[in-house]
């Protein structure tokens, strides 16, 4: 599931939710050290289940990872760099 959020005035907004893999999957796989695309392929193509992959249940990360959006506002001077919903 790919979910995009925005936060304004301590309120969390869901901008978009898609039941698909995205460009974020490789990042999450690297951060968690879990080969998510490989596991998804085995579930879809080979009929395995999530319970066949104990690493998915036992994952306990000692850190938090954040993917930050980087906008090139210097290339668009007429655009307000303050974003919001």
PDB file of N, CA and C in Angstrom:
ATOM      1  N   UNK A   1       0.851  -1.169   0.000  1.00  0.00           N
ATOM      2  CA  UNK A   1       0.000   0.000   0.000  1.00  0.00           C
ATOM      3  C   UNK A   1       0.897   1.232   0.000  1.00  0.00           C
ATOM      4  N   UNK A   2       0.628   2.126  -0.890  1.00  0.00           N
ATOM      5  CA  UNK A   2       1.361   3.380  -0.983  1.00  0.00           C
ATOM      6  C   UNK A   2       0.426   4.473  -0.474  1.00  0.00           C
ATOM      7  N   UNK A   3       0.806   5.143   0.605  1.00  0.00           N
ATOM      8  CA  UNK A   3      -0.031   6.192   1.185  1.00  0.00           C
ATOM      9  C   UNK A   3       0.788   7.474   1.277  1.00  0.00           C
ATOM     10  N   UNK A   4       0.192   8.574   0.825  1.00  0.00           N
ATOM     11  CA  UNK A   4       0.846   9.876   0.914  1.00  0.00           C
ATOM     12  C   UNK A   4       0.077  10.735   1.911  1.00  0.00           C
ATOM     13  N   UNK A   5       0.826  11.366   2.811  1.00  0.00           N
ATOM     14  CA  UNK A   5       0.238  12.166   3.880  1.00  0.00           C
ATOM     15  C   UNK A   5       0.672  13.625   3.773  1.00  0.00           C
ATOM     16  N   UNK A   6      -0.126  14.485   4.385  1.00  0.00           N
ATOM     17  CA  UNK A   6       0.262  15.878   4.609  1.00  0.00           C
ATOM     18  C   UNK A   6      -0.163  16.211   6.036  1.00  0.00           C
ATOM     19  N   UNK A   7       0.608  17.049   6.698  1.00  0.00           N
ATOM     20  CA  UNK A   7       0.281  17.457   8.060  1.00  0.00           C
ATOM     21  C   UNK A   7       0.189  18.974   8.086  1.00  0.00           C
ATOM     22  N   UNK A   8      -0.919  19.479   8.633  1.00  0.00           N
ATOM     23  CA  UNK A   8      -1.105  20.921   8.788  1.00  0.00           C
ATOM     24  C   UNK A   8      -1.831  21.171  10.100  1.00  0.00           C
ATOM     25  N   UNK A   9      -1.291  22.045  10.914  1.00  0.00           N
ATOM     26  CA  UNK A   9      -1.894  22.385  12.209  1.00  0.00           C
ATOM     27  C   UNK A   9      -2.183  21.139  13.041  1.00  0.00           C
ATOM     28  N   UNK A  10      -1.224  20.232  13.089  1.00  0.00           N
ATOM     29  CA  UNK A  10      -1.327  18.987  13.860  1.00  0.00           C
ATOM     30  C   UNK A  10      -2.452  18.065  13.399  1.00  0.00           C
ATOM     31  N   UNK A  11      -2.935  18.258  12.191  1.00  0.00           N
ATOM     32  CA  UNK A  11      -3.940  17.368  11.605  1.00  0.00           C
ATOM     33  C   UNK A  11      -3.274  16.616  10.458  1.00  0.00           C
ATOM     34  N   UNK A  12      -3.435  15.288  10.445  1.00  0.00           N
ATOM     35  CA  UNK A  12      -2.857  14.465   9.385  1.00  0.00           C
ATOM     36  C   UNK A  12      -3.918  14.252   8.311  1.00  0.00           C
ATOM     37  N   UNK A  13      -3.562  14.556   7.066  1.00  0.00           N
ATOM     38  CA  UNK A  13      -4.446  14.362   5.926  1.00  0.00           C
ATOM     39  C   UNK A  13      -3.875  13.252   5.050  1.00  0.00           C
ATOM     40  N   UNK A  14      -4.740  12.370   4.559  1.00  0.00           N
ATOM     41  CA  UNK A  14      -4.317  11.382   3.571  1.00  0.00           C
ATOM     42  C   UNK A  14      -4.565  11.993   2.205  1.00  0.00           C
ATOM     43  N   UNK A  15      -3.490  12.177   1.452  1.00  0.00           N
ATOM     44  CA  UNK A  15      -3.605  12.769   0.126  1.00  0.00           C
ATOM     45  C   UNK A  15      -3.959  11.727  -0.923  1.00  0.00           C
ATOM     46  N   UNK A  16      -3.390  10.527  -0.752  1.00  0.00           N
ATOM     47  CA  UNK A  16      -3.570   9.499  -1.768  1.00  0.00           C
ATOM     48  C   UNK A  16      -3.248   8.146  -1.152  1.00  0.00           C
ATOM     49  N   UNK A  17      -4.000   7.113  -1.534  1.00  0.00           N
ATOM     50  CA  UNK A  17      -3.715   5.740  -1.104  1.00  0.00           C
ATOM     51  C   UNK A  17      -3.888   4.828  -2.307  1.00  0.00           C
ATOM     52  N   UNK A  18      -2.853   4.052  -2.605  1.00  0.00           N
ATOM     53  CA  UNK A  18      -2.879   3.171  -3.772  1.00  0.00           C
ATOM     54  C   UNK A  18      -2.431   1.766  -3.388  1.00  0.00           C
ATOM     55  N   UNK A  19      -3.160   0.748  -3.821  1.00  0.00           N
ATOM     56  CA  UNK A  19      -2.758  -0.643  -3.529  1.00  0.00           C
ATOM     57  C   UNK A  19      -1.731  -1.140  -4.541  1.00  0.00           C
ATOM     58  N   UNK A  20      -0.588  -0.504  -4.589  1.00  0.00           N
ATOM     59  CA  UNK A  20       0.443  -0.883  -5.556  1.00  0.00           C
ATOM     60  C   UNK A  20       1.811  -0.594  -4.963  1.00  0.00           C
ATOM     61  N   UNK A  21       2.802  -1.190  -5.571  1.00  0.00           N
ATOM     62  CA  UNK A  21       4.173  -0.877  -5.179  1.00  0.00           C
ATOM     63  C   UNK A  21       4.561   0.449  -5.819  1.00  0.00           C
ATOM     64  N   UNK A  22       5.456   1.142  -5.201  1.00  0.00           N
ATOM     65  CA  UNK A  22       5.892   2.429  -5.728  1.00  0.00           C
ATOM     66  C   UNK A  22       7.409   2.507  -5.682  1.00  0.00           C
ATOM     67  N   UNK A  23       7.925   3.654  -6.016  1.00  0.00           N
ATOM     68  CA  UNK A  23       9.375   3.858  -5.955  1.00  0.00           C
ATOM     69  C   UNK A  23       9.887   3.824  -4.527  1.00  0.00           C
ATOM     70  N   UNK A  24       8.984   3.851  -3.570  1.00  0.00           N
ATOM     71  CA  UNK A  24       9.378   3.811  -2.168  1.00  0.00           C
ATOM     72  C   UNK A  24       9.749   2.397  -1.720  1.00  0.00           C
ATOM     73  N   UNK A  25       9.269   1.377  -2.426  1.00  0.00           N
ATOM     74  CA  UNK A  25       9.533  -0.010  -2.029  1.00  0.00           C
ATOM     75  C   UNK A  25      11.029  -0.290  -1.900  1.00  0.00           C
ATOM     76  N   UNK A  26      11.868   0.106  -2.853  1.00  0.00           N
ATOM     77  CA  UNK A  26      13.308  -0.137  -2.665  1.00  0.00           C
ATOM     78  C   UNK A  26      13.874   0.562  -1.424  1.00  0.00           C
ATOM     79  N   UNK A  27      13.393   1.753  -1.123  1.00  0.00           N
ATOM     80  CA  UNK A  27      13.849   2.455   0.075  1.00  0.00           C
ATOM     81  C   UNK A  27      13.457   1.681   1.328  1.00  0.00           C
ATOM     82  N   UNK A  28      12.203   1.260   1.403  1.00  0.00           N
ATOM     83  CA  UNK A  28      11.735   0.511   2.571  1.00  0.00           C
ATOM     84  C   UNK A  28      12.492  -0.807   2.694  1.00  0.00           C
ATOM     85  N   UNK A  29      12.734  -1.469   1.578  1.00  0.00           N
ATOM     86  CA  UNK A  29      13.500  -2.718   1.608  1.00  0.00           C
ATOM     87  C   UNK A  29      14.910  -2.485   2.149  1.00  0.00           C
ATOM     88  N   UNK A  30      15.525  -1.412   1.730  1.00  0.00           N
ATOM     89  CA  UNK A  30      16.883  -1.115   2.192  1.00  0.00           C
ATOM     90  C   UNK A  30      16.895  -0.768   3.675  1.00  0.00           C
ATOM     91  N   UNK A  31      15.943   0.037   4.104  1.00  0.00           N
ATOM     92  CA  UNK A  31      15.883   0.467   5.499  1.00  0.00           C
ATOM     93  C   UNK A  31      15.603  -0.712   6.432  1.00  0.00           C
ATOM     94  N   UNK A  32      14.721  -1.614   6.013  1.00  0.00           N
ATOM     95  CA  UNK A  32      14.330  -2.742   6.859  1.00  0.00           C
ATOM     96  C   UNK A  32      15.184  -3.983   6.637  1.00  0.00           C
ATOM     97  N   UNK A  33      15.946  -3.980   5.535  1.00  0.00           N
ATOM     98  CA  UNK A  33      16.726  -5.158   5.121  1.00  0.00           C
ATOM     99  C   UNK A  33      15.821  -6.356   4.849  1.00  0.00           C
ATOM    100  N   UNK A  34      14.630  -6.073   4.354  1.00  0.00           N
ATOM    101  CA  UNK A  34      13.665  -7.109   3.970  1.00  0.00           C
ATOM    102  C   UNK A  34      13.417  -6.966   2.474  1.00  0.00           C
ATOM    103  N   UNK A  35      13.622  -8.026   1.683  1.00  0.00           N
ATOM    104  CA  UNK A  35      13.438  -7.946   0.229  1.00  0.00           C
ATOM    105  C   UNK A  35      11.947  -7.975  -0.149  1.00  0.00           C
ATOM    106  N   UNK A  36      11.285  -6.850  -0.008  1.00  0.00           N
ATOM    107  CA  UNK A  36       9.832  -6.790  -0.168  1.00  0.00           C
ATOM    108  C   UNK A  36       9.361  -7.182  -1.561  1.00  0.00           C
ATOM    109  N   UNK A  37      10.028  -6.738  -2.608  1.00  0.00           N
ATOM    110  CA  UNK A  37       9.609  -7.088  -3.969  1.00  0.00           C
ATOM    111  C   UNK A  37       9.731  -8.589  -4.190  1.00  0.00           C
ATOM    112  N   UNK A  38      10.788  -9.185  -3.685  1.00  0.00           N
ATOM    113  CA  UNK A  38      10.979 -10.628  -3.809  1.00  0.00           C
ATOM    114  C   UNK A  38       9.886 -11.385  -3.057  1.00  0.00           C
ATOM    115  N   UNK A  39       9.587 -10.955  -1.854  1.00  0.00           N
ATOM    116  CA  UNK A  39       8.542 -11.600  -1.057  1.00  0.00           C
ATOM    117  C   UNK A  39       7.187 -11.446  -1.734  1.00  0.00           C
ATOM    118  N   UNK A  40       6.881 -10.260  -2.237  1.00  0.00           N
ATOM    119  CA  UNK A  40       5.604 -10.037  -2.928  1.00  0.00           C
ATOM    120  C   UNK A  40       5.484 -10.935  -4.150  1.00  0.00           C
ATOM    121  N   UNK A  41       6.577 -11.096  -4.883  1.00  0.00           N
ATOM    122  CA  UNK A  41       6.566 -11.972  -6.058  1.00  0.00           C
ATOM    123  C   UNK A  41       6.277 -13.410  -5.657  1.00  0.00           C
ATOM    124  N   UNK A  42       6.880 -13.870  -4.579  1.00  0.00           N
ATOM    125  CA  UNK A  42       6.640 -15.237  -4.124  1.00  0.00           C
ATOM    126  C   UNK A  42       5.195 -15.437  -3.666  1.00  0.00           C
ATOM    127  N   UNK A  43       4.625 -14.425  -3.050  1.00  0.00           N
ATOM    128  CA  UNK A  43       3.231 -14.520  -2.608  1.00  0.00           C
ATOM    129  C   UNK A  43       2.293 -14.542  -3.805  1.00  0.00           C
ATOM    130  N   UNK A  44       2.523 -13.655  -4.766  1.00  0.00           N
ATOM    131  CA  UNK A  44       1.637 -13.557  -5.930  1.00  0.00           C
ATOM    132  C   UNK A  44       1.822 -14.731  -6.881  1.00  0.00           C
ATOM    133  N   UNK A  45       3.063 -15.056  -7.220  1.00  0.00           N
ATOM    134  CA  UNK A  45       3.325 -16.050  -8.264  1.00  0.00           C
ATOM    135  C   UNK A  45       3.406 -17.484  -7.754  1.00  0.00           C
ATOM    136  N   UNK A  46       3.854 -17.665  -6.527  1.00  0.00           N
ATOM    137  CA  UNK A  46       4.077 -19.024  -6.033  1.00  0.00           C
ATOM    138  C   UNK A  46       3.069 -19.469  -4.985  1.00  0.00           C
ATOM    139  N   UNK A  47       2.139 -18.585  -4.635  1.00  0.00           N
ATOM    140  CA  UNK A  47       1.085 -18.957  -3.697  1.00  0.00           C
ATOM    141  C   UNK A  47       1.517 -19.014  -2.247  1.00  0.00           C
ATOM    142  N   UNK A  48       2.669 -18.461  -1.933  1.00  0.00           N
ATOM    143  CA  UNK A  48       3.092 -18.434  -0.537  1.00  0.00           C
ATOM    144  C   UNK A  48       2.226 -17.437   0.229  1.00  0.00           C
ATOM    145  N   UNK A  49       2.296 -17.507   1.546  1.00  0.00           N
ATOM    146  CA  UNK A  49       1.521 -16.591   2.385  1.00  0.00           C
ATOM    147  C   UNK A  49       2.479 -15.782   3.255  1.00  0.00           C
ATOM    148  N   UNK A  50       1.951 -14.749   3.862  1.00  0.00           N
ATOM    149  CA  UNK A  50       2.773 -13.902   4.727  1.00  0.00           C
ATOM    150  C   UNK A  50       3.382 -14.722   5.854  1.00  0.00           C
ATOM    151  N   UNK A  51       2.651 -15.731   6.333  1.00  0.00           N
ATOM    152  CA  UNK A  51       3.191 -16.562   7.416  1.00  0.00           C
ATOM    153  C   UNK A  51       4.416 -17.366   6.984  1.00  0.00           C
ATOM    154  N   UNK A  52       4.656 -17.496   5.686  1.00  0.00           N
ATOM    155  CA  UNK A  52       5.868 -18.163   5.191  1.00  0.00           C
ATOM    156  C   UNK A  52       7.110 -17.289   5.364  1.00  0.00           C
ATOM    157  N   UNK A  53       6.921 -16.046   5.768  1.00  0.00           N
ATOM    158  CA  UNK A  53       8.033 -15.100   5.905  1.00  0.00           C
ATOM    159  C   UNK A  53       8.039 -14.521   7.320  1.00  0.00           C
ATOM    160  N   UNK A  54       8.613 -15.260   8.267  1.00  0.00           N
ATOM    161  CA  UNK A  54       8.614 -14.792   9.664  1.00  0.00           C
ATOM    162  C   UNK A  54       9.246 -13.414   9.846  1.00  0.00           C
ATOM    163  N   UNK A  55      10.155 -13.038   8.950  1.00  0.00           N
ATOM    164  CA  UNK A  55      10.805 -11.735   9.065  1.00  0.00           C
ATOM    165  C   UNK A  55       9.782 -10.599   9.001  1.00  0.00           C
ATOM    166  N   UNK A  56       8.653 -10.823   8.340  1.00  0.00           N
ATOM    167  CA  UNK A  56       7.628  -9.777   8.241  1.00  0.00           C
ATOM    168  C   UNK A  56       6.913  -9.567   9.569  1.00  0.00           C
ATOM    169  N   UNK A  57       6.800 -10.620  10.355  1.00  0.00           N
ATOM    170  CA  UNK A  57       6.116 -10.527  11.640  1.00  0.00           C
ATOM    171  C   UNK A  57       7.078 -10.085  12.738  1.00  0.00           C
ATOM    172  N   UNK A  58       8.319 -10.521  12.633  1.00  0.00           N
ATOM    173  CA  UNK A  58       9.292 -10.294  13.694  1.00  0.00           C
ATOM    174  C   UNK A  58      10.106  -9.019  13.514  1.00  0.00           C
ATOM    175  N   UNK A  59       9.803  -8.244  12.506  1.00  0.00           N
ATOM    176  CA  UNK A  59      10.589  -7.042  12.223  1.00  0.00           C
ATOM    177  C   UNK A  59      10.439  -6.035  13.364  1.00  0.00           C
ATOM    178  N   UNK A  60      11.548  -5.723  14.013  1.00  0.00           N
ATOM    179  CA  UNK A  60      11.563  -4.743  15.095  1.00  0.00           C
ATOM    180  C   UNK A  60      12.763  -3.831  14.861  1.00  0.00           C
ATOM    181  N   UNK A  61      12.520  -2.709  14.242  1.00  0.00           N
ATOM    182  CA  UNK A  61      13.613  -1.823  13.842  1.00  0.00           C
ATOM    183  C   UNK A  61      14.070  -0.936  14.997  1.00  0.00           C
ATOM    184  N   UNK A  62      15.377  -0.777  15.140  1.00  0.00           N
ATOM    185  CA  UNK A  62      15.899   0.099  16.191  1.00  0.00           C
ATOM    186  C   UNK A  62      15.990   1.561  15.751  1.00  0.00           C
ATOM    187  N   UNK A  63      15.350   1.894  14.630  1.00  0.00           N
ATOM    188  CA  UNK A  63      15.458   3.250  14.097  1.00  0.00           C
ATOM    189  C   UNK A  63      14.183   3.620  13.338  1.00  0.00           C
ATOM    190  N   UNK A  64      14.103   4.879  12.978  1.00  0.00           N
ATOM    191  CA  UNK A  64      13.006   5.389  12.157  1.00  0.00           C
ATOM    192  C   UNK A  64      13.628   5.966  10.896  1.00  0.00           C
ATOM    193  N   UNK A  65      12.990   5.737   9.759  1.00  0.00           N
ATOM    194  CA  UNK A  65      13.484   6.287   8.498  1.00  0.00           C
ATOM    195  C   UNK A  65      12.402   7.166   7.886  1.00  0.00           C
ATOM    196  N   UNK A  66      12.819   8.254   7.272  1.00  0.00           N
ATOM    197  CA  UNK A  66      11.882   9.191   6.659  1.00  0.00           C
ATOM    198  C   UNK A  66      12.355   9.500   5.246  1.00  0.00           C
ATOM    199  N   UNK A  67      11.446   9.395   4.298  1.00  0.00           N
ATOM    200  CA  UNK A  67      11.744   9.804   2.925  1.00  0.00           C
ATOM    201  C   UNK A  67      11.242  11.237   2.785  1.00  0.00           C
ATOM    202  N   UNK A  68      12.157  12.125   2.529  1.00  0.00           N
ATOM    203  CA  UNK A  68      11.808  13.538   2.456  1.00  0.00           C
ATOM    204  C   UNK A  68      11.641  13.971   1.009  1.00  0.00           C
ATOM    205  N   UNK A  69      10.604  14.718   0.772  1.00  0.00           N
ATOM    206  CA  UNK A  69      10.397  15.288  -0.562  1.00  0.00           C
ATOM    207  C   UNK A  69      11.305  16.503  -0.729  1.00  0.00           C
ATOM    208  N   UNK A  70      11.898  16.621  -1.885  1.00  0.00           N
ATOM    209  CA  UNK A  70      12.750  17.770  -2.185  1.00  0.00           C
ATOM    210  C   UNK A  70      12.156  18.479  -3.398  1.00  0.00           C
ATOM    211  N   UNK A  71      11.784  19.718  -3.211  1.00  0.00           N
ATOM    212  CA  UNK A  71      11.178  20.492  -4.280  1.00  0.00           C
ATOM    213  C   UNK A  71      12.164  21.560  -4.754  1.00  0.00           C
ATOM    214  N   UNK A  72      12.242  21.753  -6.039  1.00  0.00           N
ATOM    215  CA  UNK A  72      13.173  22.726  -6.623  1.00  0.00           C
ATOM    216  C   UNK A  72      12.505  24.093  -6.750  1.00  0.00           C
ATOM    217  N   UNK A  73      12.215  24.718  -5.616  1.00  0.00           N
ATOM    218  CA  UNK A  73      11.544  26.016  -5.658  1.00  0.00           C
ATOM    219  C   UNK A  73      12.429  27.098  -6.270  1.00  0.00           C
ATOM    220  N   UNK A  74      13.742  26.908  -6.217  1.00  0.00           N
ATOM    221  CA  UNK A  74      14.612  27.908  -6.836  1.00  0.00           C
ATOM    222  C   UNK A  74      14.457  27.909  -8.357  1.00  0.00           C
ATOM    223  N   UNK A  75      13.935  26.847  -8.930  1.00  0.00           N
ATOM    224  CA  UNK A  75      13.701  26.792 -10.373  1.00  0.00           C
ATOM    225  C   UNK A  75      12.346  27.398 -10.749  1.00  0.00           C
ATOM    226  N   UNK A  76      11.480  27.575  -9.738  1.00  0.00           N
ATOM    227  CA  UNK A  76      10.145  28.129  -9.970  1.00  0.00           C
ATOM    228  C   UNK A  76       9.907  29.274  -8.988  1.00  0.00           C
ATOM    229  N   UNK A  77      10.503  30.443  -9.221  1.00  0.00           N
ATOM    230  CA  UNK A  77      10.431  31.538  -8.256  1.00  0.00           C
ATOM    231  C   UNK A  77       9.013  32.066  -8.026  1.00  0.00           C
ATOM    232  N   UNK A  78       8.095  31.834  -8.951  1.00  0.00           N
ATOM    233  CA  UNK A  78       6.733  32.341  -8.775  1.00  0.00           C
ATOM    234  C   UNK A  78       5.880  31.447  -7.879  1.00  0.00           C
ATOM    235  N   UNK A  79       6.396  30.282  -7.498  1.00  0.00           N
ATOM    236  CA  UNK A  79       5.637  29.333  -6.681  1.00  0.00           C
ATOM    237  C   UNK A  79       5.917  29.589  -5.206  1.00  0.00           C
ATOM    238  N   UNK A  80       4.842  29.577  -4.405  1.00  0.00           N
ATOM    239  CA  UNK A  80       4.974  29.760  -2.961  1.00  0.00           C
ATOM    240  C   UNK A  80       5.574  28.488  -2.351  1.00  0.00           C
ATOM    241  N   UNK A  81       6.711  28.581  -1.671  1.00  0.00           N
ATOM    242  CA  UNK A  81       7.338  27.387  -1.100  1.00  0.00           C
ATOM    243  C   UNK A  81       6.638  26.851   0.145  1.00  0.00           C
ATOM    244  N   UNK A  82       5.633  27.574   0.660  1.00  0.00           N
ATOM    245  CA  UNK A  82       4.875  27.087   1.806  1.00  0.00           C
ATOM    246  C   UNK A  82       3.773  26.175   1.273  1.00  0.00           C
ATOM    247  N   UNK A  83       3.894  24.892   1.591  1.00  0.00           N
ATOM    248  CA  UNK A  83       2.929  23.915   1.099  1.00  0.00           C
ATOM    249  C   UNK A  83       1.862  23.657   2.143  1.00  0.00           C
ATOM    250  N   UNK A  84       0.726  23.190   1.699  1.00  0.00           N
ATOM    251  CA  UNK A  84      -0.353  22.847   2.613  1.00  0.00           C
ATOM    252  C   UNK A  84      -1.471  22.165   1.866  1.00  0.00           C
ATOM    253  N   UNK A  85      -2.418  21.617   2.618  1.00  0.00           N
ATOM    254  CA  UNK A  85      -3.545  20.924   1.958  1.00  0.00           C
ATOM    255  C   UNK A  85      -4.486  21.891   1.268  1.00  0.00           C
TER     256      UNK A  85
END
